[in-house]
Protein backbone atom coordinates (compact mmCIF):
# COMPACT_ATOMS: atom_id res chain seq x y z
CA MET A 1 -7.50 -47.22 55.19
CA PRO A 2 -6.02 -45.05 52.55
CA ASP A 3 -2.29 -44.54 52.50
CA PRO A 4 -1.50 -41.20 54.20
CA GLU A 5 1.34 -40.61 51.77
CA GLY A 6 -0.95 -41.08 48.80
CA SER A 7 -3.81 -39.00 50.13
CA ALA A 8 -2.57 -35.77 48.49
CA GLU A 9 -3.72 -35.08 44.93
CA PRO A 10 -0.84 -34.92 42.42
CA ALA A 11 0.02 -31.40 41.29
CA SER A 12 -1.75 -30.60 38.05
CA GLU A 13 0.40 -29.95 34.98
CA PRO A 14 0.32 -26.44 33.49
CA PRO A 15 -2.03 -26.17 30.50
CA PHE A 16 0.94 -25.52 28.21
CA PRO A 17 4.41 -26.98 28.46
CA ARG A 18 7.00 -24.58 29.84
CA ALA A 19 8.91 -24.72 26.52
CA ALA A 20 5.89 -23.18 24.76
CA PHE A 21 6.04 -20.15 27.05
CA LEU A 22 9.71 -19.77 26.29
CA LEU A 23 9.08 -19.91 22.55
CA LEU A 24 6.18 -17.44 22.63
CA PRO A 25 8.34 -14.26 22.41
CA LEU A 26 10.21 -15.77 19.46
CA ALA A 27 6.95 -16.53 17.69
CA ILE A 28 5.73 -12.97 18.24
CA MET A 29 8.99 -11.59 16.85
CA LEU A 30 8.69 -13.78 13.76
CA LEU A 31 5.10 -12.63 13.20
CA LEU A 32 6.11 -8.99 13.51
CA LEU A 33 9.02 -9.53 11.14
CA GLY A 34 6.73 -11.19 8.61
CA ALA A 35 4.26 -8.31 8.80
CA PHE A 36 7.06 -5.79 8.33
CA LEU A 37 8.44 -7.62 5.29
CA PHE A 38 4.95 -7.85 3.77
CA LEU A 39 4.35 -4.12 4.20
CA ALA A 40 7.79 -3.28 2.83
CA PHE A 41 7.25 -5.49 -0.21
CA SER A 42 3.79 -4.03 -0.85
CA ALA A 43 5.13 -0.49 -0.64
CA SER A 44 7.89 -1.30 -3.12
CA GLU A 45 5.47 -2.62 -5.72
CA PRO A 46 4.44 -0.03 -8.32
CA LYS A 47 0.93 1.27 -7.90
CA GLU A 48 -1.48 0.70 -10.74
CA ASP A 49 -1.89 4.43 -11.30
CA ASN A 50 1.79 5.29 -10.85
CA ASN A 51 2.12 6.60 -14.38
CA PHE A 52 0.31 9.16 -16.49
CA TYR A 53 -0.96 6.68 -19.07
CA ALA A 54 -2.84 4.67 -16.43
CA PHE A 55 -5.50 7.40 -16.11
CA LYS A 56 -8.75 7.91 -17.98
CA VAL A 57 -9.91 11.38 -19.02
CA VAL A 58 -12.72 12.97 -20.99
CA ASN A 59 -11.84 14.34 -24.40
CA ILE A 60 -12.97 17.70 -25.80
CA ARG A 61 -16.09 16.06 -27.26
CA GLY A 62 -17.19 14.47 -24.01
CA LYS A 63 -16.00 10.91 -24.57
CA LEU A 64 -14.18 9.01 -21.83
CA VAL A 65 -10.83 7.84 -23.16
CA SER A 66 -7.88 6.00 -21.69
CA LEU A 67 -4.49 7.68 -21.85
CA GLU A 68 -3.12 4.17 -22.32
CA LYS A 69 -3.48 4.76 -26.06
CA TYR A 70 -0.47 7.11 -25.86
CA ARG A 71 1.82 4.63 -24.11
CA GLY A 72 4.98 4.10 -26.10
CA SER A 73 4.97 7.71 -27.25
CA VAL A 74 6.32 10.92 -25.76
CA SER A 75 3.69 13.41 -24.56
CA LEU A 76 3.86 17.10 -23.78
CA VAL A 77 0.92 17.81 -21.48
CA VAL A 78 -0.19 21.45 -21.42
CA ASN A 79 -2.97 23.36 -19.61
CA VAL A 80 -4.18 25.69 -22.35
CA ALA A 81 -6.33 28.83 -22.42
CA SER A 82 -7.90 30.80 -25.25
CA GLU A 83 -7.59 34.34 -23.90
CA CYS A 84 -4.12 34.39 -22.33
CA GLY A 85 -1.14 36.51 -23.29
CA TYR A 86 0.71 33.25 -23.99
CA THR A 87 -2.07 31.80 -26.17
CA ASP A 88 -0.89 32.88 -29.62
CA SER A 89 2.80 32.03 -29.25
CA HIS A 90 2.16 28.72 -27.51
CA TYR A 91 -0.58 27.41 -29.77
CA LYS A 92 1.50 28.19 -32.85
CA ALA A 93 4.63 26.58 -31.42
CA LEU A 94 2.78 23.55 -30.05
CA GLN A 95 1.15 22.85 -33.41
CA LYS A 96 4.51 23.24 -35.15
CA LEU A 97 6.07 20.74 -32.74
CA GLN A 98 3.17 18.34 -33.28
CA ARG A 99 3.57 18.60 -37.03
CA GLU A 100 7.33 17.99 -36.87
CA LEU A 101 7.45 15.12 -34.35
CA GLY A 102 3.97 13.56 -34.17
CA PRO A 103 1.84 11.61 -34.12
CA SER A 104 3.65 8.25 -34.30
CA HIS A 105 6.14 8.98 -31.52
CA PHE A 106 4.90 12.23 -29.99
CA ASN A 107 1.74 14.15 -29.09
CA VAL A 108 0.85 17.43 -27.45
CA LEU A 109 -2.00 16.70 -25.04
CA ALA A 110 -3.96 19.91 -24.37
CA PHE A 111 -6.16 20.35 -21.30
CA PRO A 112 -8.15 23.61 -21.23
CA CYS A 113 -8.35 25.22 -17.79
CA ASN A 114 -10.15 28.33 -16.53
CA GLN A 115 -8.44 28.58 -13.12
CA PHE A 116 -5.94 31.29 -13.99
CA GLY A 117 -7.33 34.73 -14.73
CA GLN A 118 -10.59 33.20 -16.00
CA GLN A 119 -8.93 33.08 -19.42
CA GLU A 120 -10.67 29.92 -20.65
CA PRO A 121 -14.35 30.85 -20.16
CA ASN A 122 -15.69 29.10 -23.26
CA THR A 123 -17.42 25.74 -23.66
CA ASN A 124 -15.51 22.71 -24.86
CA LYS A 125 -17.11 23.06 -28.29
CA GLU A 126 -16.07 26.71 -28.54
CA ILE A 127 -12.55 25.93 -27.31
CA GLU A 128 -12.08 23.20 -29.92
CA SER A 129 -13.46 25.40 -32.70
CA PHE A 130 -11.14 28.25 -31.72
CA ALA A 131 -8.04 26.05 -31.60
CA ARG A 132 -8.77 24.19 -34.84
CA LYS A 133 -9.81 27.22 -36.91
CA THR A 134 -7.31 29.75 -35.57
CA TYR A 135 -4.21 27.56 -35.28
CA GLY A 136 -5.02 24.44 -37.29
CA VAL A 137 -4.50 22.37 -34.15
CA SER A 138 -4.23 18.65 -34.90
CA PHE A 139 -3.09 17.41 -31.51
CA PRO A 140 -5.49 15.77 -29.01
CA MET A 141 -7.57 18.09 -26.84
CA PHE A 142 -9.48 17.22 -23.70
CA SER A 143 -12.40 18.53 -21.71
CA LYS A 144 -11.91 21.62 -19.56
CA ILE A 145 -10.62 20.66 -16.12
CA ALA A 146 -9.10 21.97 -12.91
CA VAL A 147 -5.35 21.39 -12.82
CA THR A 148 -4.59 22.58 -9.30
CA GLY A 149 -6.22 22.58 -5.87
CA MET A 150 -8.52 20.05 -4.23
CA GLY A 151 -10.54 19.50 -7.39
CA ALA A 152 -7.58 18.93 -9.68
CA ASN A 153 -7.92 16.18 -12.25
CA PRO A 154 -6.19 12.97 -11.01
CA ALA A 155 -3.92 12.84 -14.07
CA PHE A 156 -2.66 16.34 -13.27
CA LYS A 157 -2.31 15.46 -9.60
CA TYR A 158 0.04 12.70 -10.71
CA LEU A 159 2.09 15.15 -12.81
CA ILE A 160 2.34 17.58 -9.90
CA GLU A 161 3.32 14.92 -7.39
CA SER A 162 5.87 13.40 -9.76
CA THR A 163 7.64 16.63 -10.68
CA GLY A 164 7.02 18.73 -7.59
CA GLU A 165 5.83 21.49 -9.94
CA GLU A 166 2.27 22.81 -9.67
CA PRO A 167 0.77 25.12 -12.31
CA THR A 168 0.45 28.75 -11.26
CA TRP A 169 -0.69 30.01 -14.65
CA ASN A 170 -1.79 28.92 -18.11
CA PHE A 171 0.49 26.92 -20.42
CA TRP A 172 2.49 24.91 -17.94
CA LYS A 173 4.16 22.04 -19.74
CA TYR A 174 4.90 18.51 -18.49
CA LEU A 175 7.07 16.10 -20.44
CA VAL A 176 5.97 12.46 -20.15
CA ASP A 177 8.16 9.61 -21.38
CA PRO A 178 6.94 6.50 -23.29
CA ASN A 179 6.35 4.63 -20.03
CA GLY A 180 4.09 7.35 -18.64
CA LYS A 181 6.63 8.82 -16.23
CA ALA A 182 6.67 12.61 -15.86
CA VAL A 183 10.31 13.58 -16.36
CA LYS A 184 10.31 17.38 -16.47
CA ALA A 185 8.09 20.46 -16.13
CA TRP A 186 8.28 24.07 -17.32
CA ASP A 187 6.27 27.16 -16.46
CA SER A 188 4.50 29.57 -18.80
CA THR A 189 7.57 31.71 -19.44
CA VAL A 190 9.56 28.85 -20.99
CA THR A 191 9.07 28.69 -24.76
CA ILE A 192 8.42 25.58 -26.80
CA GLU A 193 11.68 26.26 -28.65
CA GLU A 194 13.56 25.91 -25.36
CA ILE A 195 11.75 22.67 -24.57
CA LYS A 196 12.15 21.11 -28.01
CA PRO A 197 15.62 19.55 -27.43
CA TYR A 198 14.29 17.57 -24.46
CA VAL A 199 11.32 16.32 -26.45
CA THR A 200 13.44 15.51 -29.49
CA GLU A 201 15.88 13.46 -27.41
CA LEU A 202 13.11 11.25 -26.02
CA VAL A 203 11.58 10.78 -29.48
CA ARG A 204 15.01 9.94 -30.88
CA ASN A 205 15.45 7.25 -28.23
CA ILE A 206 12.16 5.64 -29.26
CA ILE A 207 13.20 5.55 -32.92
CA LEU A 208 16.65 4.10 -32.14
CA LYS A 209 15.14 1.45 -29.87
CA LYS A 210 12.72 0.36 -32.58
CA ARG A 211 15.57 0.14 -35.09
CA ASP A 212 17.58 -2.03 -32.72
CA GLU A 213 14.62 -4.37 -32.33
CA LEU A 214 14.32 -4.97 -36.08
């Protein structure tokens, strides 16, 4: 006869020890903390395209080029137009600045745009011919693009986002340092003569740094 006291089945143990249940909230907190730290670290890392020289653009003759070739130099990026009231004064002054400071440490980078007053209606070939023959332009020129709005060129989107300044007319000017960071912007009414001290200072810093490294 079975023992009445031993007839009851022993209580089954819980599938997990009680200590595991107590540690579960702590484990969840640690996981959440790890995820937060990962996201924070990722956000703090510089994006690959977080500088102007990381972009690729098409030049005035239709060839895809990397702006990386201008890294280490100062750039003055300008949206140009051939039939604007600012055309003559700006092209003359930009070429003068290019001649005085470039091309070893500085370049004007000209991007034709037809968004403002339809004042750049010509083809890339006609634009280049006009600039070279009329003003003796020697600085790099690029294919006609949109510089504002949904269809804006990514390189210009970077300039706008970095400076908080979006072109509203032809001949806006963005100053880019040797590392590709946009440091300042000026509208059409600001002359190249007014901008020159800022450009000269950055170029001077490049020259002094190279001397120190010798």
